[in-house]
N, C-alpha and C. Protein backbone atom coordinates (compact mmCIF):
# COMPACT_ATOMS: atom_id res chain seq x y z
N GLY A 1 129.10 135.55 130.36
CA GLY A 1 128.24 134.23 130.53
C GLY A 1 129.91 133.66 130.04
N HIS A 2 129.64 131.89 129.96
CA HIS A 2 130.26 131.20 128.95
C HIS A 2 128.94 130.80 128.58
N THR A 3 129.18 130.84 126.44
CA THR A 3 127.71 129.75 126.34
C THR A 3 128.69 128.67 125.40
N HIS A 4 128.14 127.71 125.85
CA HIS A 4 128.63 126.39 125.36
C HIS A 4 127.70 126.47 123.68
N GLY A 5 128.40 125.74 122.50
CA GLY A 5 127.71 125.83 121.41
C GLY A 5 126.77 124.77 120.47
N HIS A 6 126.23 124.50 120.19
CA HIS A 6 125.32 124.27 119.41
C HIS A 6 125.74 122.65 118.76
N THR A 7 126.80 122.52 118.53
CA THR A 7 127.61 121.10 118.30
C THR A 7 126.98 120.47 119.21
N HIS A 8 127.51 119.96 119.48
CA HIS A 8 127.26 118.88 121.25
C HIS A 8 126.68 118.32 120.68
N SER A 9 125.60 119.77 120.71
CA SER A 9 123.66 118.95 121.62
C SER A 9 123.08 118.31 120.35
N HIS A 10 123.64 118.55 119.33
CA HIS A 10 122.03 117.91 117.97
C HIS A 10 122.46 116.71 118.42
N ALA A 11 121.45 115.99 118.47
CA ALA A 11 121.36 113.39 118.11
C ALA A 11 121.19 113.69 117.16
N PRO A 12 122.10 112.98 116.24
CA PRO A 12 121.64 112.83 114.98
C PRO A 12 120.63 111.57 114.55
N ASN A 13 119.27 112.72 113.66
CA ASN A 13 117.96 111.88 112.95
C ASN A 13 118.56 110.44 112.29
N ALA A 14 118.11 109.30 112.64
CA ALA A 14 118.38 107.90 111.14
C ALA A 14 118.86 108.38 109.88
N ALA A 15 117.79 109.10 109.45
CA ALA A 15 118.61 109.49 108.24
C ALA A 15 119.99 110.04 107.89
N GLU A 16 120.27 111.19 108.94
CA GLU A 16 122.42 111.15 109.17
C GLU A 16 123.09 110.20 109.60
N LYS A 17 122.18 109.60 110.53
CA LYS A 17 123.25 108.30 110.91
C LYS A 17 123.69 107.30 109.63
N TYR A 18 122.29 106.79 108.75
CA TYR A 18 122.29 105.55 108.55
C TYR A 18 122.31 105.83 107.09
N GLY A 19 122.68 107.56 106.56
CA GLY A 19 122.23 107.84 105.31
C GLY A 19 121.06 107.33 104.55
N ILE A 20 119.82 107.10 105.20
CA ILE A 20 118.46 106.94 104.66
C ILE A 20 117.91 107.58 103.67
N GLY A 21 117.63 107.14 102.45
CA GLY A 21 116.80 108.55 101.76
C GLY A 21 115.59 108.56 100.47
N THR A 22 115.05 108.71 100.18
CA THR A 22 113.74 108.38 99.61
C THR A 22 113.87 109.33 97.57
N PHE A 23 113.52 108.85 97.24
CA PHE A 23 112.63 109.11 95.84
C PHE A 23 112.21 109.03 95.25
N VAL A 24 110.98 109.42 94.59
CA VAL A 24 110.21 108.82 93.27
C VAL A 24 110.71 108.70 92.48
N TYR A 25 110.02 107.71 91.42
CA TYR A 25 110.72 107.89 90.02
C TYR A 25 110.12 107.69 89.41
N SER A 26 108.99 109.27 88.63
CA SER A 26 108.33 109.23 87.37
C SER A 26 108.37 108.98 86.19
N ARG A 27 107.48 108.22 85.11
CA ARG A 27 108.04 108.97 83.86
C ARG A 27 107.15 108.05 83.36
N ARG A 28 106.77 108.95 81.64
CA ARG A 28 105.28 109.04 80.77
C ARG A 28 106.03 107.95 80.05
N ARG A 29 106.78 106.63 79.90
CA ARG A 29 106.69 106.46 78.82
C ARG A 29 106.91 104.37 79.81
N PRO A 30 106.49 103.48 78.87
CA PRO A 30 105.72 101.63 79.60
C PRO A 30 107.81 101.16 80.18
N PHE A 31 107.32 100.16 80.97
CA PHE A 31 109.26 99.40 81.13
C PHE A 31 108.76 97.56 79.86
N HIS A 32 109.40 97.92 79.35
CA HIS A 32 109.83 96.65 78.24
C HIS A 32 110.52 95.19 79.53
N PRO A 33 109.25 94.84 79.30
CA PRO A 33 108.32 93.09 79.86
C PRO A 33 110.19 92.66 81.07
N GLN A 34 110.54 92.29 79.90
CA GLN A 34 111.82 91.55 80.57
C GLN A 34 112.96 92.16 80.29
N ARG A 35 113.35 93.82 80.28
CA ARG A 35 113.84 94.16 80.55
C ARG A 35 113.66 94.53 82.00
N LEU A 36 112.39 94.75 82.47
CA LEU A 36 111.95 95.01 84.11
C LEU A 36 112.28 93.69 84.33
N LEU A 37 111.82 92.42 84.36
CA LEU A 37 112.52 91.33 85.66
C LEU A 37 113.93 91.55 85.23
N ASP A 38 114.86 91.61 84.54
CA ASP A 38 116.34 91.56 84.74
C ASP A 38 116.75 92.67 85.79
N LEU A 39 116.16 93.57 86.08
CA LEU A 39 115.62 94.84 86.61
C LEU A 39 115.90 94.17 88.44
N VAL A 40 114.93 93.39 88.68
CA VAL A 40 113.84 92.46 89.62
C VAL A 40 114.99 92.36 90.16
N ALA A 41 116.06 91.30 89.30
CA ALA A 41 116.88 90.18 89.76
C ALA A 41 118.58 90.79 90.50
N LEU A 42 117.89 92.47 89.76
CA LEU A 42 119.75 93.06 91.04
C LEU A 42 118.96 93.71 91.83
N LEU A 43 117.68 93.53 92.44
CA LEU A 43 117.67 93.95 93.50
C LEU A 43 117.40 92.84 94.60
N PRO A 44 117.82 92.99 96.14
CA PRO A 44 117.90 92.52 97.19
C PRO A 44 117.49 90.57 97.48
N VAL A 45 116.29 90.73 96.78
CA VAL A 45 115.13 90.12 96.51
C VAL A 45 115.45 88.50 96.33
N LYS A 46 114.47 87.79 97.62
CA LYS A 46 115.01 86.18 98.03
C LYS A 46 113.99 86.01 96.70
N ASN A 47 113.28 86.40 97.22
CA ASN A 47 111.30 85.09 96.70
C ASN A 47 110.53 86.99 95.38
N ALA A 48 110.82 86.72 94.89
CA ALA A 48 109.46 86.90 93.92
C ALA A 48 107.87 85.78 92.90
N THR A 49 107.01 87.01 93.13
CA THR A 49 105.71 86.62 92.74
C THR A 49 105.08 86.80 91.47
N ARG A 50 105.12 85.66 91.10
CA ARG A 50 104.96 85.39 89.59
C ARG A 50 103.41 85.88 89.01
N GLN A 51 103.67 86.24 87.96
CA GLN A 51 101.80 86.86 88.29
C GLN A 51 102.25 86.88 86.90
N SER A 52 100.62 86.63 86.51
CA SER A 52 100.34 86.76 84.66
C SER A 52 101.05 87.79 83.99
N TRP A 53 101.68 88.81 84.28
CA TRP A 53 102.43 89.63 83.66
C TRP A 53 103.72 89.02 82.79
N LEU A 54 103.75 87.54 83.53
CA LEU A 54 105.28 87.07 83.59
C LEU A 54 104.61 86.26 82.30
N ASP A 55 103.67 85.66 82.48
CA ASP A 55 103.30 84.68 81.80
C ASP A 55 103.83 83.96 80.30
N HIS A 56 104.71 84.24 79.92
CA HIS A 56 105.74 84.90 78.28
C HIS A 56 106.77 84.73 79.00
N VAL A 57 107.59 84.88 79.78
CA VAL A 57 108.72 84.66 80.67
C VAL A 57 108.61 83.40 80.61
N PRO A 58 109.79 82.51 79.42
CA PRO A 58 110.06 81.62 79.80
C PRO A 58 110.00 81.18 81.32
N ALA A 59 109.72 79.73 82.27
CA ALA A 59 109.91 79.54 83.55
C ALA A 59 111.18 79.24 83.85
N GLU A 60 112.44 79.12 83.12
CA GLU A 60 113.29 78.47 83.22
C GLU A 60 114.16 79.90 83.54
N LYS A 61 114.15 81.08 83.62
CA LYS A 61 114.62 82.07 82.68
C LYS A 61 114.56 83.22 84.70
N TRP A 62 112.97 82.69 84.98
CA TRP A 62 112.04 83.12 86.46
C TRP A 62 113.67 82.47 87.14
N ASP A 63 114.06 82.20 87.43
CA ASP A 63 114.97 81.69 88.71
C ASP A 63 115.76 83.16 88.76
N LEU A 64 115.78 83.51 89.38
CA LEU A 64 116.54 84.45 89.79
C LEU A 64 118.07 84.97 89.61
N GLY A 65 118.72 83.29 90.11
CA GLY A 65 120.15 82.55 89.57
C GLY A 65 120.38 82.90 88.51
N ASN A 66 119.65 82.28 87.49
CA ASN A 66 120.05 82.53 86.23
C ASN A 66 119.87 82.91 85.23
N LEU A 67 119.06 84.38 85.80
CA LEU A 67 118.82 85.48 84.83
C LEU A 67 119.61 85.65 84.16
N PHE A 68 120.65 85.66 84.67
CA PHE A 68 122.51 86.49 83.64
C PHE A 68 123.28 84.57 83.17
N ASP A 69 122.58 83.61 83.29
CA ASP A 69 123.47 82.01 83.13
C ASP A 69 125.15 82.72 83.69
N GLY A 70 124.47 83.42 85.14
CA GLY A 70 125.27 83.02 86.02
C GLY A 70 126.57 83.49 86.05
N LYS A 71 126.99 84.25 85.14
CA LYS A 71 128.00 84.94 84.77
C LYS A 71 126.97 86.87 84.69
N LEU A 72 127.28 87.59 85.87
CA LEU A 72 127.22 89.02 86.12
C LEU A 72 128.38 89.42 85.12
N ASN A 73 128.38 90.52 84.73
CA ASN A 73 129.42 91.37 83.95
C ASN A 73 129.59 92.28 84.76
N PRO A 74 130.70 92.69 84.55
CA PRO A 74 130.80 93.95 85.63
C PRO A 74 130.06 94.47 85.13
N SER A 75 128.88 95.21 84.07
CA SER A 75 128.34 96.16 84.48
C SER A 75 126.66 95.45 85.19
N MET A 76 127.49 94.35 85.62
CA MET A 76 125.13 93.91 86.05
C MET A 76 126.11 93.33 87.04
N ASP A 77 126.98 93.39 87.54
CA ASP A 77 127.80 93.51 88.98
C ASP A 77 127.39 94.93 89.49
N GLN A 78 128.58 95.68 88.89
CA GLN A 78 127.85 96.93 89.34
C GLN A 78 126.48 97.94 89.69
N GLY A 79 125.24 97.09 89.25
CA GLY A 79 123.84 97.32 88.83
C GLY A 79 123.32 96.39 90.48
N LEU A 80 123.96 95.83 90.57
CA LEU A 80 124.08 94.41 91.40
C LEU A 80 124.54 95.37 92.74
N ARG A 81 125.38 96.92 93.28
CA ARG A 81 125.30 96.95 93.94
C ARG A 81 124.56 98.39 94.02
N THR A 82 124.46 99.01 93.26
CA THR A 82 123.69 99.99 93.13
C THR A 82 122.41 99.51 93.65
N MET A 83 121.04 98.28 93.44
CA MET A 83 119.65 98.12 93.04
C MET A 83 119.66 97.22 95.03
N HIS A 84 121.28 96.86 95.17
CA HIS A 84 120.55 96.42 96.64
C HIS A 84 121.07 97.99 97.66
N THR A 85 121.00 98.69 97.28
CA THR A 85 120.86 99.61 98.62
C THR A 85 119.29 100.04 99.01
N VAL A 86 118.64 99.21 98.25
CA VAL A 86 117.13 99.39 97.74
C VAL A 86 116.89 98.34 99.11
N VAL A 87 115.64 99.27 99.91
CA VAL A 87 115.84 98.72 101.42
C VAL A 87 114.21 98.43 100.92
N ARG A 88 112.63 99.23 100.61
CA ARG A 88 111.96 99.35 100.40
C ARG A 88 111.54 99.99 98.78
N SER A 89 111.04 99.31 98.13
CA SER A 89 110.49 100.37 97.13
C SER A 89 108.96 100.02 97.16
N LYS A 90 107.86 101.13 96.40
CA LYS A 90 106.25 100.15 96.37
C LYS A 90 105.89 102.07 95.25
N GLY A 91 104.49 101.47 94.52
CA GLY A 91 104.41 102.40 93.86
C GLY A 91 103.52 101.08 92.86
N PHE A 92 102.87 102.23 91.44
CA PHE A 92 102.72 101.67 90.36
C PHE A 92 103.13 101.38 88.40
N VAL A 93 102.73 101.03 87.57
CA VAL A 93 104.13 100.85 86.83
C VAL A 93 103.59 100.80 85.82
N TRP A 94 103.84 100.73 84.23
CA TRP A 94 102.77 101.04 82.97
C TRP A 94 104.31 100.37 82.56
N VAL A 95 103.75 98.37 81.77
CA VAL A 95 104.63 96.94 81.11
C VAL A 95 103.75 97.97 79.98
N SER A 96 104.23 97.47 78.61
CA SER A 96 103.89 97.34 77.57
C SER A 96 103.14 96.17 77.23
N SER A 97 103.31 95.25 78.37
CA SER A 97 102.18 93.30 77.73
C SER A 97 101.33 93.82 78.64
N GLN A 98 101.13 94.91 79.39
CA GLN A 98 99.87 95.45 79.89
C GLN A 98 99.55 96.38 79.89
N TRP A 99 98.67 96.59 78.63
CA TRP A 99 98.91 98.82 78.44
C TRP A 99 97.52 99.00 78.98
N GLN A 100 96.82 98.28 79.24
CA GLN A 100 95.70 98.81 79.92
C GLN A 100 96.05 99.25 81.01
N ASN A 101 96.73 98.24 81.91
CA ASN A 101 96.47 97.50 83.12
C ASN A 101 97.63 98.71 84.08
N ALA A 102 97.62 99.14 85.27
CA ALA A 102 98.27 99.30 85.72
C ALA A 102 98.80 97.77 87.05
N LEU A 103 99.43 98.10 86.90
CA LEU A 103 100.50 96.97 87.89
C LEU A 103 101.19 97.72 89.70
N TYR A 104 100.80 97.04 90.46
CA TYR A 104 101.42 97.67 91.63
C TYR A 104 102.74 96.39 91.52
N TRP A 105 104.21 97.74 92.38
CA TRP A 105 104.51 96.87 92.62
C TRP A 105 105.11 97.45 93.71
N SER A 106 105.21 96.36 95.07
CA SER A 106 106.12 96.19 95.25
C SER A 106 106.95 95.44 97.19
N GLN A 107 107.99 96.25 96.86
CA GLN A 107 109.24 95.12 97.60
C GLN A 107 109.72 95.98 98.51
N ALA A 108 109.69 94.86 99.78
CA ALA A 108 110.10 94.70 101.25
C ALA A 108 111.27 93.97 101.46
N GLY A 109 112.38 94.68 101.11
CA GLY A 109 114.03 94.28 101.42
C GLY A 109 114.00 92.93 100.86
N ALA A 110 113.40 91.92 101.13
CA ALA A 110 113.51 89.87 100.07
C ALA A 110 112.25 90.19 99.54
N HIS A 111 111.50 90.22 100.18
CA HIS A 111 110.48 90.58 99.53
C HIS A 111 109.97 91.18 97.66
N PHE A 112 109.76 90.07 96.81
CA PHE A 112 109.25 91.34 95.68
C PHE A 112 107.52 91.37 94.98
N GLU A 113 106.82 91.47 95.14
CA GLU A 113 105.74 91.53 94.46
C GLU A 113 105.21 92.68 92.84
N LEU A 114 104.99 92.20 92.13
CA LEU A 114 104.23 92.73 90.85
C LEU A 114 102.75 92.13 90.48
N SER A 115 101.50 92.95 90.82
CA SER A 115 100.32 92.63 90.89
C SER A 115 99.49 93.53 90.43
N PRO A 116 98.36 92.37 89.25
CA PRO A 116 97.74 94.05 88.90
C PRO A 116 96.73 94.68 90.19
N LEU A 117 96.65 95.58 89.90
CA LEU A 117 95.71 97.43 90.30
C LEU A 117 94.37 97.02 89.56
N GLY A 118 94.64 96.87 88.41
CA GLY A 118 92.99 97.26 87.72
C GLY A 118 93.61 98.33 86.59
N MET A 119 92.87 98.15 85.72
CA MET A 119 93.11 100.03 84.69
C MET A 119 93.37 100.93 85.21
N TRP A 120 94.12 101.24 84.22
CA TRP A 120 94.55 103.13 83.89
C TRP A 120 93.21 103.43 83.61
N TRP A 121 93.33 105.05 83.99
CA TRP A 121 92.33 106.07 83.85
C TRP A 121 91.16 105.74 82.01
N ALA A 122 92.67 105.71 82.26
CA ALA A 122 92.92 106.72 80.08
C ALA A 122 92.01 105.36 79.45
N ALA A 123 92.41 103.68 80.13
CA ALA A 123 91.08 102.65 79.22
C ALA A 123 90.09 102.85 80.10
N THR A 124 89.40 103.81 81.22
CA THR A 124 88.20 103.02 81.45
C THR A 124 87.45 104.02 80.93
N LYS A 125 85.71 102.69 79.97
CA LYS A 125 85.53 104.43 79.43
C LYS A 125 84.86 105.59 80.30
N LEU A 126 84.43 106.26 80.08
CA LEU A 126 84.05 107.23 80.74
C LEU A 126 82.74 107.89 82.02
N SER A 127 81.48 106.32 80.89
CA SER A 127 80.89 105.65 82.10
C SER A 127 81.14 105.45 82.90
N ALA A 128 81.68 104.60 83.16
CA ALA A 128 82.26 103.88 84.45
C ALA A 128 83.45 104.75 85.50
N TRP A 129 83.80 106.47 84.96
CA TRP A 129 84.38 106.83 86.28
C TRP A 129 83.44 106.97 86.81
N PRO A 130 84.39 107.70 87.88
CA PRO A 130 83.02 108.69 89.42
C PRO A 130 82.48 109.85 88.86
N ASP A 131 80.70 109.74 88.79
CA ASP A 131 80.38 111.84 88.07
C ASP A 131 79.64 110.92 86.63
N GLY A 132 80.14 109.67 86.16
CA GLY A 132 79.68 109.81 84.82
C GLY A 132 80.85 110.21 83.84
N GLY A 133 81.70 110.79 84.45
CA GLY A 133 83.24 111.70 83.80
C GLY A 133 82.47 113.04 83.91
N ASP A 134 81.37 113.56 84.23
CA ASP A 134 81.70 114.64 84.27
C ASP A 134 82.93 115.64 84.98
N GLN A 135 83.47 116.88 83.97
CA GLN A 135 84.63 117.60 83.90
C GLN A 135 84.73 118.42 84.97
N ASN A 136 83.14 118.48 85.51
CA ASN A 136 83.62 120.11 87.12
C ASN A 136 82.99 118.31 87.90
N SER A 137 83.63 117.35 87.84
CA SER A 137 83.48 116.74 89.78
C SER A 137 84.98 116.70 89.89
N ASP A 138 84.41 117.59 90.92
CA ASP A 138 85.86 117.67 92.04
C ASP A 138 86.80 115.65 91.81
N GLU A 139 86.34 115.02 91.75
CA GLU A 139 87.05 113.20 91.90
C GLU A 139 86.56 113.30 90.09
N VAL A 140 86.83 113.84 89.41
CA VAL A 140 87.27 113.66 87.68
C VAL A 140 88.56 114.44 87.35
N GLY A 141 88.31 116.13 88.75
CA GLY A 141 89.18 116.76 88.23
C GLY A 141 90.94 116.22 88.79
N GLN A 142 90.29 114.65 89.96
CA GLN A 142 91.55 114.52 91.14
C GLN A 142 92.02 113.69 89.75
N ILE A 143 92.04 113.04 89.13
CA ILE A 143 91.79 111.99 88.39
C ILE A 143 92.74 112.81 86.82
N LEU A 144 91.72 113.91 86.68
CA LEU A 144 92.69 114.36 85.08
C LEU A 144 94.29 114.78 85.75
N GLN A 145 94.55 115.61 87.21
CA GLN A 145 95.84 115.87 87.53
C GLN A 145 96.81 114.90 86.88
N GLU A 146 96.50 113.35 86.40
CA GLU A 146 97.48 112.31 86.58
C GLU A 146 97.34 112.43 85.46
N PHE A 147 97.34 112.59 84.88
CA PHE A 147 96.80 113.35 82.98
C PHE A 147 98.27 113.90 82.61
N ASP A 148 99.22 113.60 82.06
CA ASP A 148 99.78 113.67 80.87
C ASP A 148 99.46 114.75 79.73
N VAL A 149 99.42 115.84 79.96
CA VAL A 149 99.33 117.41 79.97
C VAL A 149 101.00 117.53 77.88
N SER A 150 101.68 116.47 78.24
CA SER A 150 102.24 117.32 77.31
C SER A 150 102.57 117.14 75.96
N GLY A 151 101.32 115.79 75.93
CA GLY A 151 100.42 115.72 75.07
C GLY A 151 100.60 114.09 74.13
N GLY A 152 101.58 113.42 74.79
CA GLY A 152 101.45 112.14 74.79
C GLY A 152 100.93 111.09 74.00
N GLY A 153 99.05 111.91 75.12
CA GLY A 153 97.74 111.26 74.53
C GLY A 153 98.33 109.66 74.97
N HIS A 154 98.62 109.05 76.61
CA HIS A 154 98.45 107.67 77.52
C HIS A 154 98.46 108.60 78.66
N GLY A 155 97.27 109.22 78.65
CA GLY A 155 96.54 109.22 80.10
C GLY A 155 97.60 109.71 81.26
N ASP A 156 97.20 109.17 81.58
CA ASP A 156 97.30 108.26 83.75
C ASP A 156 98.34 107.07 83.18
N ARG A 157 98.43 107.48 82.59
CA ARG A 157 100.18 105.93 82.22
C ARG A 157 101.43 106.15 82.77
N ARG A 158 101.98 105.73 83.45
CA ARG A 158 102.65 105.72 83.67
C ARG A 158 103.58 105.21 85.20
N GLN A 159 105.63 105.99 85.14
CA GLN A 159 106.00 104.69 86.23
C GLN A 159 105.77 105.86 87.42
N GLU A 160 105.25 105.34 88.35
CA GLU A 160 105.46 106.05 90.04
C GLU A 160 105.70 105.00 90.71
N ILE A 161 107.31 104.91 91.41
CA ILE A 161 107.94 104.24 92.13
C ILE A 161 108.48 104.58 92.70
N VAL A 162 108.49 104.60 94.64
CA VAL A 162 108.82 105.58 95.52
C VAL A 162 109.79 104.53 96.05
N PHE A 163 111.99 104.57 96.26
CA PHE A 163 112.75 104.62 96.68
C PHE A 163 113.24 104.74 97.44
N ILE A 164 113.01 103.67 98.51
CA ILE A 164 113.20 103.84 99.94
C ILE A 164 114.78 103.19 100.49
N GLY A 165 115.49 103.65 100.44
CA GLY A 165 116.96 103.14 100.88
C GLY A 165 117.87 103.40 101.47
N VAL A 166 119.22 102.98 101.78
CA VAL A 166 120.34 103.51 102.75
C VAL A 166 121.79 103.59 101.58
N GLY A 167 122.22 105.05 101.71
CA GLY A 167 123.35 105.34 100.47
C GLY A 167 123.35 104.41 99.07
N MET A 168 121.66 105.30 98.86
CA MET A 168 121.43 105.35 97.94
C MET A 168 122.17 106.43 96.37
N ASP A 169 122.31 105.41 95.53
CA ASP A 169 122.59 106.58 94.60
C ASP A 169 121.16 106.97 93.38
N ARG A 170 120.66 107.97 93.56
CA ARG A 170 119.56 107.85 93.08
C ARG A 170 120.05 107.95 91.12
N GLY A 171 120.95 108.92 90.77
CA GLY A 171 121.19 109.18 89.32
C GLY A 171 121.64 107.00 88.99
N ARG A 172 121.98 106.38 89.89
CA ARG A 172 122.78 105.46 88.84
C ARG A 172 121.36 104.63 88.93
N ILE A 173 120.01 104.25 90.54
CA ILE A 173 118.62 104.29 90.21
C ILE A 173 118.13 104.04 88.96
N GLU A 174 118.13 105.45 88.53
CA GLU A 174 117.55 106.03 87.98
C GLU A 174 117.72 105.60 86.35
N ALA A 175 118.64 105.67 86.00
CA ALA A 175 119.44 105.23 84.35
C ALA A 175 119.20 103.30 84.67
N LEU A 176 119.41 102.99 85.25
CA LEU A 176 119.16 101.02 85.30
C LEU A 176 117.96 101.34 84.72
N LEU A 177 116.01 102.16 85.39
CA LEU A 177 115.17 101.75 85.81
C LEU A 177 115.16 102.57 84.07
N ASP A 178 115.82 103.16 83.94
CA ASP A 178 115.32 104.58 81.89
C ASP A 178 115.51 103.39 81.40
N ALA A 179 116.89 102.24 81.55
CA ALA A 179 117.86 101.21 80.78
C ALA A 179 115.90 100.08 80.28
N CYS A 180 115.10 100.44 81.08
CA CYS A 180 113.92 99.34 81.09
C CYS A 180 113.20 99.66 80.15
N LEU A 181 112.85 101.30 80.10
CA LEU A 181 111.84 101.47 79.20
C LEU A 181 111.98 101.38 77.74
N LEU A 182 110.68 101.67 77.54
CA LEU A 182 110.81 101.02 75.71
C LEU A 182 111.68 102.14 75.19
N THR A 183 112.92 101.89 74.10
CA THR A 183 112.69 102.82 72.99
C THR A 183 112.37 103.77 71.84
N ASP A 184 112.23 104.80 71.66
CA ASP A 184 111.81 105.83 70.51
C ASP A 184 110.63 104.26 69.15
N GLU A 185 111.92 103.71 69.01
CA GLU A 185 111.64 102.45 68.22
C GLU A 185 110.45 101.41 69.02
N GLU A 186 110.19 101.23 69.85
CA GLU A 186 109.97 100.24 70.69
C GLU A 186 108.94 101.47 70.93
N MET A 187 108.31 101.73 71.29
CA MET A 187 106.54 102.87 71.56
C MET A 187 106.39 102.94 70.38
N ARG A 188 107.42 103.38 69.65
CA ARG A 188 106.42 103.08 67.62
C ARG A 188 106.07 102.27 67.70
N LEU A 189 105.84 101.37 67.69
CA LEU A 189 105.70 99.46 67.16
C LEU A 189 105.11 99.38 68.27
N ALA A 190 105.21 99.81 69.89
CA ALA A 190 103.63 99.17 71.21
C ALA A 190 102.30 100.27 70.97
N GLU A 191 103.14 101.34 70.19
CA GLU A 191 101.36 101.73 70.04
C GLU A 191 100.86 100.90 68.73
N GLU A 192 101.76 101.36 67.61
CA GLU A 192 100.43 100.57 66.59
C GLU A 192 100.10 99.09 66.75
N ARG A 193 100.48 98.57 67.77
CA ARG A 193 99.86 96.60 68.12
C ARG A 193 98.94 97.63 68.71
N THR A 194 98.75 99.02 69.52
CA THR A 194 97.55 98.65 69.75
C THR A 194 96.36 99.85 69.48
N LYS A 195 97.23 100.28 68.82
CA LYS A 195 96.37 100.97 68.28
C LYS A 195 94.15 99.45 67.79
N GLU A 196 95.50 99.26 66.93
CA GLU A 196 95.11 97.56 66.23
C GLU A 196 94.33 97.13 66.76
N THR A 197 94.40 96.54 68.56
CA THR A 197 93.71 95.64 69.32
C THR A 197 93.14 96.07 69.69
N LEU A 198 92.59 97.98 70.48
CA LEU A 198 91.83 98.86 71.13
C LEU A 198 90.73 98.66 69.56
N ARG A 199 89.89 98.80 69.65
CA ARG A 199 88.48 99.02 68.92
C ARG A 199 87.86 100.70 69.38
N GLU A 200 87.90 100.67 70.68
CA GLU A 200 87.39 102.58 70.60
C GLU A 200 88.50 103.09 72.17
N ASP A 201 89.41 104.64 72.18
CA ASP A 201 89.90 104.41 73.29
C ASP A 201 89.59 106.31 74.05
N PRO A 202 88.56 105.21 75.36
CA PRO A 202 87.11 106.47 75.86
C PRO A 202 88.65 107.12 75.35
N VAL A 203 89.35 107.90 76.18
CA VAL A 203 89.63 109.19 76.95
C VAL A 203 90.42 109.89 75.71
């Protein structure tokens, strides 16, 4: 008998048809606030909600159009093209100016918001943990799974942002995000500064 090939019957799903992809950006190092702000300006964002974490950034700098003084250099132009493939992104971030607090990152199309989410578990006294921080508690076990086991000493502080977009170049997007992270030298200074301001590091 005559058998048809199955190739013609397969309807492409949306991901295949439109090149929709998703990936998670995870790092164990804080972002530099000003460099992160520069990156936000590359997203296809029209209105961004300014929150307290940006208070030390001069107001005139916050106008997305003025961030680069109207002069987009070729690499910035490349960055715009790269980030404009992102349709939705959300997750939580660690910014060096907010050592104790996690921030919630939410971008949907033209809207962007970065808002306080609460303290990292690593910055929270054990007595305030579920079950008083009992190591045998399931809930505490789940929290500890988020902790950095590589010996960085920063607990659950991290970047964890999900990106959804069309035709995204993951390598390029990650490179732009990585450029916003503190350098080794900035990290060393930030850690020294934090030690001075913290009376105790609970965990």
